Protein backbone atom coordinates (compact mmCIF):
# COMPACT_ATOMS: atom_id res chain seq x y z
CA MET A 1 -103.44 75.62 62.48
CA LYS A 2 -104.40 74.08 65.70
CA LEU A 3 -104.21 70.59 65.63
CA THR A 4 -106.51 68.18 67.32
CA PRO A 5 -105.14 65.94 69.99
CA MET A 6 -105.04 62.90 67.64
CA GLN A 7 -102.75 65.23 65.06
CA THR A 8 -100.75 66.00 68.02
CA ARG A 9 -100.15 62.15 68.89
CA LEU A 10 -99.66 61.15 65.67
CA SER A 11 -97.04 63.75 64.90
CA VAL A 12 -95.03 62.76 68.45
CA VAL A 13 -94.54 59.27 66.71
CA PRO A 14 -91.63 59.97 64.24
CA PHE A 15 -89.77 61.74 66.79
CA LEU A 16 -90.13 59.25 69.26
CA LEU A 17 -89.12 56.65 66.52
CA PHE A 18 -85.94 58.75 66.02
CA LEU A 19 -84.77 59.08 69.29
CA MET A 20 -85.33 55.01 69.84
CA LEU A 21 -82.97 54.37 66.67
CA SER A 22 -80.29 56.95 67.94
CA CYS A 23 -80.31 55.45 71.40
CA SER A 24 -79.90 52.14 70.06
CA PRO A 25 -76.59 50.17 70.22
CA LYS A 26 -73.92 51.04 68.01
CA SER A 27 -72.51 48.65 65.41
CA GLU A 28 -69.52 46.54 66.29
CA ASN A 29 -67.37 49.23 64.71
CA THR A 30 -68.30 51.52 67.35
CA SER A 31 -68.63 49.43 70.55
CA GLN A 32 -66.13 49.00 73.04
CA VAL A 33 -64.55 45.70 73.93
CA LYS A 34 -62.87 45.51 77.40
CA SER A 35 -59.70 43.75 77.54
CA GLN A 36 -58.64 40.85 80.07
CA ASP A 37 -56.80 43.63 82.38
CA ASP A 38 -59.93 45.67 81.98
CA VAL A 39 -62.27 42.83 83.53
CA PRO A 40 -62.40 43.11 87.20
CA GLN A 41 -60.24 39.89 89.04
CA LYS A 42 -62.23 37.57 91.48
CA ASN A 43 -60.36 37.35 94.40
CA ASN A 44 -61.59 35.39 97.36
CA ILE A 45 -60.60 34.20 100.88
CA SER A 46 -62.00 30.82 102.35
CA VAL A 47 -61.14 29.34 105.60
CA SER A 48 -61.18 25.69 107.12
CA PRO A 49 -59.82 23.95 109.96
CA PHE A 50 -56.16 22.65 110.07
CA GLY A 51 -56.19 20.43 113.20
CA LYS A 52 -55.35 20.99 116.82
CA LEU A 53 -51.69 21.90 118.50
CA GLN A 54 -50.79 19.67 121.33
CA ASP A 55 -52.22 21.97 123.71
CA GLY A 56 -55.38 21.85 122.06
CA THR A 57 -55.53 25.15 120.24
CA SER A 58 -57.50 25.00 117.03
CA VAL A 59 -55.65 25.98 114.12
CA SER A 60 -57.18 27.44 110.83
CA MET A 61 -55.99 27.71 107.21
CA TYR A 62 -56.87 30.63 105.11
CA THR A 63 -57.04 30.17 101.14
CA LEU A 64 -56.52 33.13 99.11
CA LYS A 65 -56.94 33.11 95.25
CA ASN A 66 -56.80 35.64 92.48
CA GLY A 67 -58.14 35.59 88.87
CA LYS A 68 -54.79 34.70 87.40
CA GLY A 69 -54.33 31.14 88.63
CA ALA A 70 -52.65 31.96 91.86
CA THR A 71 -53.81 30.43 95.45
CA MET A 72 -51.77 30.60 98.52
CA LYS A 73 -52.79 28.87 102.03
CA VAL A 74 -51.62 30.52 105.12
CA ILE A 75 -52.27 28.98 108.62
CA ASN A 76 -52.63 30.99 112.02
CA TYR A 77 -49.81 28.83 113.44
CA GLY A 78 -46.57 30.75 112.70
CA GLY A 79 -48.30 32.80 110.08
CA ILE A 80 -47.05 29.65 107.79
CA ILE A 81 -47.63 29.62 104.01
CA VAL A 82 -48.40 26.04 103.42
CA SER A 83 -48.74 26.25 99.59
CA LEU A 84 -48.51 28.76 96.77
CA GLU A 85 -49.65 27.67 93.64
CA VAL A 86 -48.60 29.92 90.30
CA PRO A 87 -48.95 29.06 86.92
CA ASP A 88 -46.10 27.35 84.92
CA LYS A 89 -44.97 27.74 81.31
CA ASP A 90 -47.56 25.46 80.20
CA GLY A 91 -50.47 27.22 82.54
CA LYS A 92 -50.23 24.31 84.96
CA ALA A 93 -50.40 25.58 88.52
CA ILE A 94 -47.26 24.43 90.31
CA ASP A 95 -46.82 24.51 94.14
CA VAL A 96 -43.33 26.70 94.78
CA VAL A 97 -42.74 26.27 98.42
CA LEU A 98 -41.89 23.50 100.52
CA GLY A 99 -44.01 22.46 103.66
CA TYR A 100 -46.26 19.77 105.34
CA ASP A 101 -49.46 18.15 104.74
CA SER A 102 -50.19 18.40 108.69
CA LEU A 103 -50.21 20.60 111.57
CA GLU A 104 -48.41 17.73 113.54
CA ALA A 105 -45.29 17.93 111.26
CA TYR A 106 -45.12 21.51 111.28
CA GLU A 107 -45.16 21.78 115.66
CA GLU A 108 -42.83 18.61 115.98
CA ARG A 109 -40.31 19.63 113.74
CA ASN A 110 -40.45 22.52 111.23
CA PRO A 111 -36.89 24.39 109.97
CA PHE A 112 -39.03 27.58 109.64
CA PHE A 113 -41.14 26.27 106.26
CA GLY A 114 -43.31 29.06 105.27
CA ALA A 115 -43.01 30.88 108.67
CA LEU A 116 -42.84 34.28 110.03
CA VAL A 117 -39.79 35.04 111.88
CA GLY A 118 -39.25 37.37 114.82
CA ARG A 119 -38.79 39.38 117.10
CA TYR A 120 -35.25 38.89 115.43
CA GLY A 121 -34.60 36.82 112.05
CA ASN A 122 -31.26 35.58 111.66
CA ARG A 123 -28.25 35.35 114.23
CA ILE A 124 -27.49 37.21 117.50
CA GLY A 125 -24.11 36.34 118.78
CA LYS A 126 -23.99 34.18 122.12
CA GLY A 127 -27.64 35.19 122.34
CA ARG A 128 -26.94 38.73 124.09
CA PHE A 129 -26.83 42.21 123.37
CA THR A 130 -26.83 45.51 125.14
CA LEU A 131 -29.31 48.31 125.37
CA ASP A 132 -28.63 51.74 127.23
CA GLY A 133 -25.88 49.63 129.27
CA LYS A 134 -27.99 46.87 130.40
CA THR A 135 -27.18 43.62 128.85
CA TYR A 136 -30.16 41.24 127.73
CA ASP A 137 -29.82 37.31 127.62
CA LEU A 138 -31.87 35.77 124.97
CA VAL A 139 -32.59 31.88 124.66
CA LYS A 140 -29.63 30.45 123.04
CA ASN A 141 -30.90 27.98 120.52
CA ASN A 142 -28.30 27.46 117.97
CA ASN A 143 -24.91 26.46 118.85
CA GLY A 144 -24.88 28.96 121.56
CA ASN A 145 -26.06 31.62 119.88
CA HIS A 146 -29.90 33.05 119.27
CA LEU A 147 -31.48 32.25 116.09
CA HIS A 148 -34.63 33.68 114.75
CA GLY A 149 -36.46 34.59 117.69
CA GLY A 150 -35.56 31.65 120.08
CA THR A 151 -37.10 28.33 120.99
CA LYS A 152 -40.80 29.92 120.76
CA GLY A 153 -40.21 32.63 118.16
CA PHE A 154 -42.69 33.98 115.97
CA ASP A 155 -42.87 30.92 113.79
CA LYS A 156 -44.49 28.98 116.74
CA VAL A 157 -47.17 31.07 118.30
CA VAL A 158 -50.91 31.73 117.18
CA TRP A 159 -51.43 34.66 115.32
CA ASN A 160 -54.78 36.48 115.22
CA ILE A 161 -55.84 36.68 111.53
CA GLN A 162 -58.59 38.92 110.02
CA GLU A 163 -59.45 39.48 106.44
CA ALA A 164 -57.75 42.77 105.18
CA PRO A 165 -59.29 45.34 102.70
CA SER A 166 -57.19 45.82 99.63
CA ASP A 167 -57.75 47.18 96.13
CA GLU A 168 -54.65 44.99 94.90
CA GLY A 169 -56.14 41.59 95.66
CA ALA A 170 -56.79 39.12 98.31
CA ALA A 171 -55.29 40.34 102.10
CA LEU A 172 -54.97 38.79 105.43
CA LYS A 173 -53.98 41.01 108.42
CA LEU A 174 -51.96 38.91 110.97
CA THR A 175 -51.43 40.48 114.85
CA TYR A 176 -49.63 39.25 117.67
CA LEU A 177 -48.62 40.51 121.00
CA SER A 178 -45.26 39.78 122.08
CA LYS A 179 -44.93 40.28 125.79
CA ASP A 180 -42.33 41.91 127.79
CA MET A 181 -39.22 39.59 128.19
CA GLU A 182 -40.64 36.93 125.86
CA GLU A 183 -37.72 34.92 125.24
CA GLY A 184 -35.68 37.50 126.68
CA TYR A 185 -36.79 40.61 124.53
CA PRO A 186 -37.56 43.82 126.46
CA GLY A 187 -40.94 45.77 126.02
CA ASN A 188 -44.29 44.90 124.76
CA LEU A 189 -44.09 44.36 120.84
CA ASN A 190 -47.29 44.80 119.18
CA VAL A 191 -46.61 43.16 115.70
CA GLU A 192 -48.97 43.69 112.65
CA VAL A 193 -48.19 41.70 109.28
CA ILE A 194 -50.52 42.01 106.12
CA TYR A 195 -50.25 39.20 103.87
CA THR A 196 -51.53 40.16 100.18
CA LEU A 197 -52.10 37.88 97.12
CA THR A 198 -52.04 40.38 94.25
CA ASN A 199 -54.04 40.67 91.00
CA ASP A 200 -50.59 40.05 89.39
CA ASN A 201 -49.08 37.03 91.11
CA THR A 202 -47.22 39.10 93.60
CA ILE A 203 -47.21 37.92 97.44
CA LYS A 204 -46.66 41.25 99.38
CA PHE A 205 -45.84 41.47 103.12
CA ASP A 206 -46.32 44.60 105.30
CA TYR A 207 -44.56 44.89 108.51
CA LYS A 208 -45.22 47.22 111.28
CA ALA A 209 -44.74 47.15 115.02
CA THR A 210 -44.73 49.36 117.87
CA THR A 211 -43.42 48.87 121.58
CA ASP A 212 -43.67 50.14 124.81
CA LYS A 213 -40.20 49.87 126.00
CA LYS A 214 -36.71 50.46 124.08
CA THR A 215 -36.05 47.22 122.35
CA ILE A 216 -35.04 45.48 118.91
CA VAL A 217 -36.64 44.05 116.06
CA ASN A 218 -35.89 42.49 112.72
CA LEU A 219 -38.90 40.59 111.05
CA THR A 220 -38.37 38.20 107.70
CA GLN A 221 -40.51 35.97 105.96
CA HIS A 222 -38.68 32.28 105.58
CA THR A 223 -40.41 30.38 102.94
CA TYR A 224 -38.55 28.01 101.21
CA PHE A 225 -39.13 28.03 97.53
CA ASN A 226 -38.31 25.81 94.84
CA LEU A 227 -39.55 27.01 91.40
CA ASN A 228 -39.83 23.31 89.66
CA GLY A 229 -42.52 22.17 92.24
CA GLY A 230 -40.07 20.25 94.23
CA LYS A 231 -39.40 17.65 91.46
CA THR A 232 -35.79 18.47 91.45
CA ASP A 233 -32.98 20.43 93.54
CA ILE A 234 -32.81 23.96 92.94
CA LEU A 235 -29.03 23.74 91.83
CA SER A 236 -30.54 24.80 88.22
CA HIS A 237 -32.25 27.86 89.31
CA GLU A 238 -30.79 30.76 87.99
CA LEU A 239 -30.00 33.57 90.76
CA VAL A 240 -29.43 37.15 90.26
CA LEU A 241 -28.64 39.19 93.49
CA HIS A 242 -28.32 42.95 93.34
CA ALA A 243 -25.50 43.17 95.75
CA ASP A 244 -22.06 44.38 95.21
CA LYS A 245 -20.91 43.13 98.67
CA PHE A 246 -21.77 40.81 101.73
CA ILE A 247 -21.29 39.92 105.44
CA PRO A 248 -18.76 37.64 105.87
CA VAL A 249 -19.33 35.10 108.96
CA ASP A 250 -17.20 32.83 111.34
CA GLU A 251 -17.49 29.25 111.79
CA SER A 252 -20.79 29.52 114.05
CA LEU A 253 -22.02 31.74 111.03
CA ILE A 254 -22.16 35.05 112.97
CA PRO A 255 -20.67 38.00 111.19
CA THR A 256 -16.96 39.25 111.71
CA GLY A 257 -18.21 42.87 111.11
CA GLU A 258 -16.36 43.16 107.82
CA ILE A 259 -18.65 44.07 105.05
CA ARG A 260 -16.77 42.60 101.84
CA SER A 261 -16.95 43.03 98.07
CA VAL A 262 -18.47 39.91 96.21
CA GLU A 263 -15.67 40.61 93.49
CA ASN A 264 -13.69 37.45 92.67
CA THR A 265 -15.86 35.33 95.07
CA PRO A 266 -18.05 32.50 94.63
CA LEU A 267 -20.70 34.89 96.24
CA ASP A 268 -20.87 37.08 92.85
CA PHE A 269 -24.40 36.63 91.57
CA ARG A 270 -24.51 40.02 89.88
CA LYS A 271 -24.91 38.14 86.64
CA PRO A 272 -27.60 35.30 85.95
CA THR A 273 -25.59 32.13 87.45
CA LYS A 274 -27.07 28.96 88.56
CA ILE A 275 -26.95 27.98 92.10
CA GLY A 276 -25.08 24.84 91.95
CA GLU A 277 -22.43 26.53 89.75
CA ARG A 278 -20.33 27.56 92.62
CA ILE A 279 -22.08 26.07 95.65
CA ASN A 280 -19.09 23.52 96.56
CA ALA A 281 -16.35 25.83 95.79
CA GLY A 282 -13.21 25.49 98.29
CA HIS A 283 -13.81 29.18 99.40
CA GLU A 284 -13.79 29.60 103.43
CA GLN A 285 -17.09 31.45 103.16
CA ILE A 286 -18.82 28.28 101.35
CA LYS A 287 -17.09 25.73 103.82
CA PHE A 288 -18.36 27.70 107.02
CA GLY A 289 -22.11 27.91 105.38
CA ARG A 290 -21.88 24.36 103.89
CA GLY A 291 -23.23 26.11 100.95
CA TYR A 292 -24.63 29.70 100.58
CA ASP A 293 -26.12 30.97 104.10
CA HIS A 294 -25.18 34.61 104.19
CA THR A 295 -26.37 37.82 103.97
CA TRP A 296 -25.88 40.13 101.13
CA VAL A 297 -25.71 44.02 101.28
CA LEU A 298 -28.36 45.27 98.76
CA ASN A 299 -27.66 48.05 96.45
CA GLY A 300 -29.41 51.28 96.60
CA GLN A 301 -32.10 52.99 99.49
CA GLY A 302 -35.57 52.56 99.91
CA MET A 303 -37.70 49.77 98.09
CA LYS A 304 -35.37 48.26 95.28
CA LEU A 305 -35.13 45.54 93.24
CA ALA A 306 -33.18 42.85 95.97
CA ALA A 307 -33.04 39.26 93.52
CA GLU A 308 -34.31 37.63 90.68
CA VAL A 309 -34.58 33.65 90.54
CA TYR A 310 -35.31 31.70 87.30
CA GLU A 311 -36.14 28.16 86.60
CA PRO A 312 -36.11 27.18 83.08
CA ALA A 313 -37.67 23.90 83.43
CA SER A 314 -40.84 25.50 84.56
CA GLY A 315 -40.34 28.77 83.01
CA ILE A 316 -41.35 30.26 86.23
CA GLU A 317 -39.45 33.48 87.35
CA MET A 318 -39.51 35.10 90.82
CA THR A 319 -38.62 38.89 91.35
CA VAL A 320 -38.02 40.40 94.93
CA HIS A 321 -38.23 43.93 95.81
CA THR A 322 -37.67 44.90 99.54
CA ALA A 323 -37.18 48.26 101.82
CA GLU A 324 -34.63 46.05 103.82
CA PRO A 325 -30.88 46.77 103.35
CA GLY A 326 -30.18 43.13 102.89
CA VAL A 327 -31.24 39.55 101.94
CA GLN A 328 -30.08 36.35 103.50
CA PHE A 329 -29.69 33.59 100.53
CA TYR A 330 -30.05 30.15 102.22
CA SER A 331 -29.73 27.49 99.99
CA GLY A 332 -31.33 24.93 102.04
CA ASN A 333 -27.73 23.42 103.04
CA PHE A 334 -29.18 21.75 106.08
CA LEU A 335 -31.96 19.82 104.42
CA ASP A 336 -30.83 16.00 104.90
CA GLY A 337 -33.75 13.89 103.74
CA SER A 338 -34.87 13.30 107.04
CA LEU A 339 -38.06 15.57 106.72
CA THR A 340 -40.62 14.07 104.24
CA GLY A 341 -43.20 16.86 102.99
CA LYS A 342 -46.27 17.59 100.86
CA ASN A 343 -47.32 14.98 98.60
CA ASN A 344 -44.97 12.29 100.53
CA VAL A 345 -41.55 14.30 99.02
CA ARG A 346 -38.70 13.83 100.89
CA TYR A 347 -36.44 17.05 101.01
CA ASN A 348 -33.19 16.42 100.51
CA GLN A 349 -30.16 18.70 100.68
CA ARG A 350 -30.79 21.91 98.74
CA THR A 351 -34.57 20.95 97.90
CA GLY A 352 -35.28 24.50 98.42
CA PHE A 353 -33.95 28.17 99.02
CA CYS A 354 -34.76 31.23 100.95
CA LEU A 355 -34.11 34.78 100.00
CA GLU A 356 -35.11 36.30 103.41
CA THR A 357 -34.96 39.96 103.18
CA GLN A 358 -34.00 41.64 106.35
CA HIS A 359 -31.73 43.88 108.77
CA PHE A 360 -28.37 42.27 109.08
CA PRO A 361 -27.46 39.47 111.47
CA ASP A 362 -26.04 40.16 114.78
CA SER A 363 -26.49 44.02 114.38
CA PRO A 364 -27.01 44.68 117.85
CA ASN A 365 -23.65 43.88 118.49
CA LYS A 366 -22.03 45.60 115.48
CA SER A 367 -22.11 49.54 115.98
CA ASN A 368 -21.14 49.85 112.18
CA PHE A 369 -24.54 47.77 110.70
CA PRO A 370 -27.73 49.54 110.42
CA SER A 371 -29.46 49.80 113.58
CA VAL A 372 -32.52 47.40 114.40
CA VAL A 373 -33.27 49.65 117.79
CA LEU A 374 -37.03 50.61 118.14
CA GLU A 375 -38.35 52.94 120.86
CA PRO A 376 -41.61 53.81 122.08
CA GLY A 377 -43.36 56.36 120.00
CA GLN A 378 -41.36 55.04 116.98
CA THR A 379 -43.24 52.53 114.36
CA TYR A 380 -41.33 49.81 112.78
CA SER A 381 -42.29 49.57 109.24
CA THR A 382 -41.07 47.81 106.08
CA GLN A 383 -42.11 45.67 103.12
CA THR A 384 -41.27 43.09 100.84
CA THR A 385 -42.61 41.68 97.61
CA TYR A 386 -42.23 38.23 95.61
CA LYS A 387 -43.73 38.36 92.06
CA PHE A 388 -43.98 35.61 89.88
CA ALA A 389 -44.22 35.39 85.99
CA VAL A 390 -43.41 33.19 83.21
CA ARG A 391 -40.65 34.05 81.30
CA LYS A 392 -41.33 34.35 77.42
């Protein structure tokens, strides 16, 4: 039977109603609910002025935020981390790094608070090393030795900074050209360091460098941490170092060349131990460093667990992974109360600690230590991460 146009239109209506009902939202029993981890995290980077250096150079501060309550502030002078806020056990944001409120303080007297260190992190004995039969004399800035790159190391230069693309969080790319013979080092060294504040409250450092002349390089980050926000010293922090051996030093803190077991010494942190438990021990190495200021030889190869730190008062724990063979644990022994930091807090002895991942001190003069030589055509590349969480 042939339908009229009107009949055809009426017959289509029930079918359309069926389609509409079929495509309508399902009941709550079949709906999909996104968990908090499925929701995209909001990351952002903002820039603001941080003052001018004595030579008139303007310095900027970069504020990185994620969606998990963490905020990191970085300035392009020295690549310095000015502050790092992470949630404590009560959900309150705690600034866990030492530093200053003003650029003037960083320029005038900074014991490497928050700084990017190079060309060579740690000490080189007598400020001298030899490559291919040629001796290079470096700036001597630490009791006749060379420390952390010299009088004007990477901690005292202005870095170029730009936002870096990252799927992990908010990231900055810092670049600097260290010119041939700067502070006595051979070769034009192109350096790139990426700082990332990830969505799981990890700060990640990716280091790269290339040179046009055979040279040495050993980069690190020198942030002083206090997981209780500087309210107390760090002696109640519980520390684990995943290292069976350490590097003994002489009275000037230059390695003797020996690699020694931590067994039966106050430098054994293979189990959780309060930093203050043995820090005043009569052991020779403790006396030389006025506490801990040594390199531990990390167990394992490649990217590995280096250290864990926990502060019971705040509930905050920090976990360190690195591709470096060593970590320098410094317990803030030379802070003496003469420095006043952020929020007018006086930094007394052992107000902060450092875990500087790196190759070994004085490696250019110790043939049994891993090499720090970089040649043209090679790329220096390494990574370190510091993850913050609340212990349940």
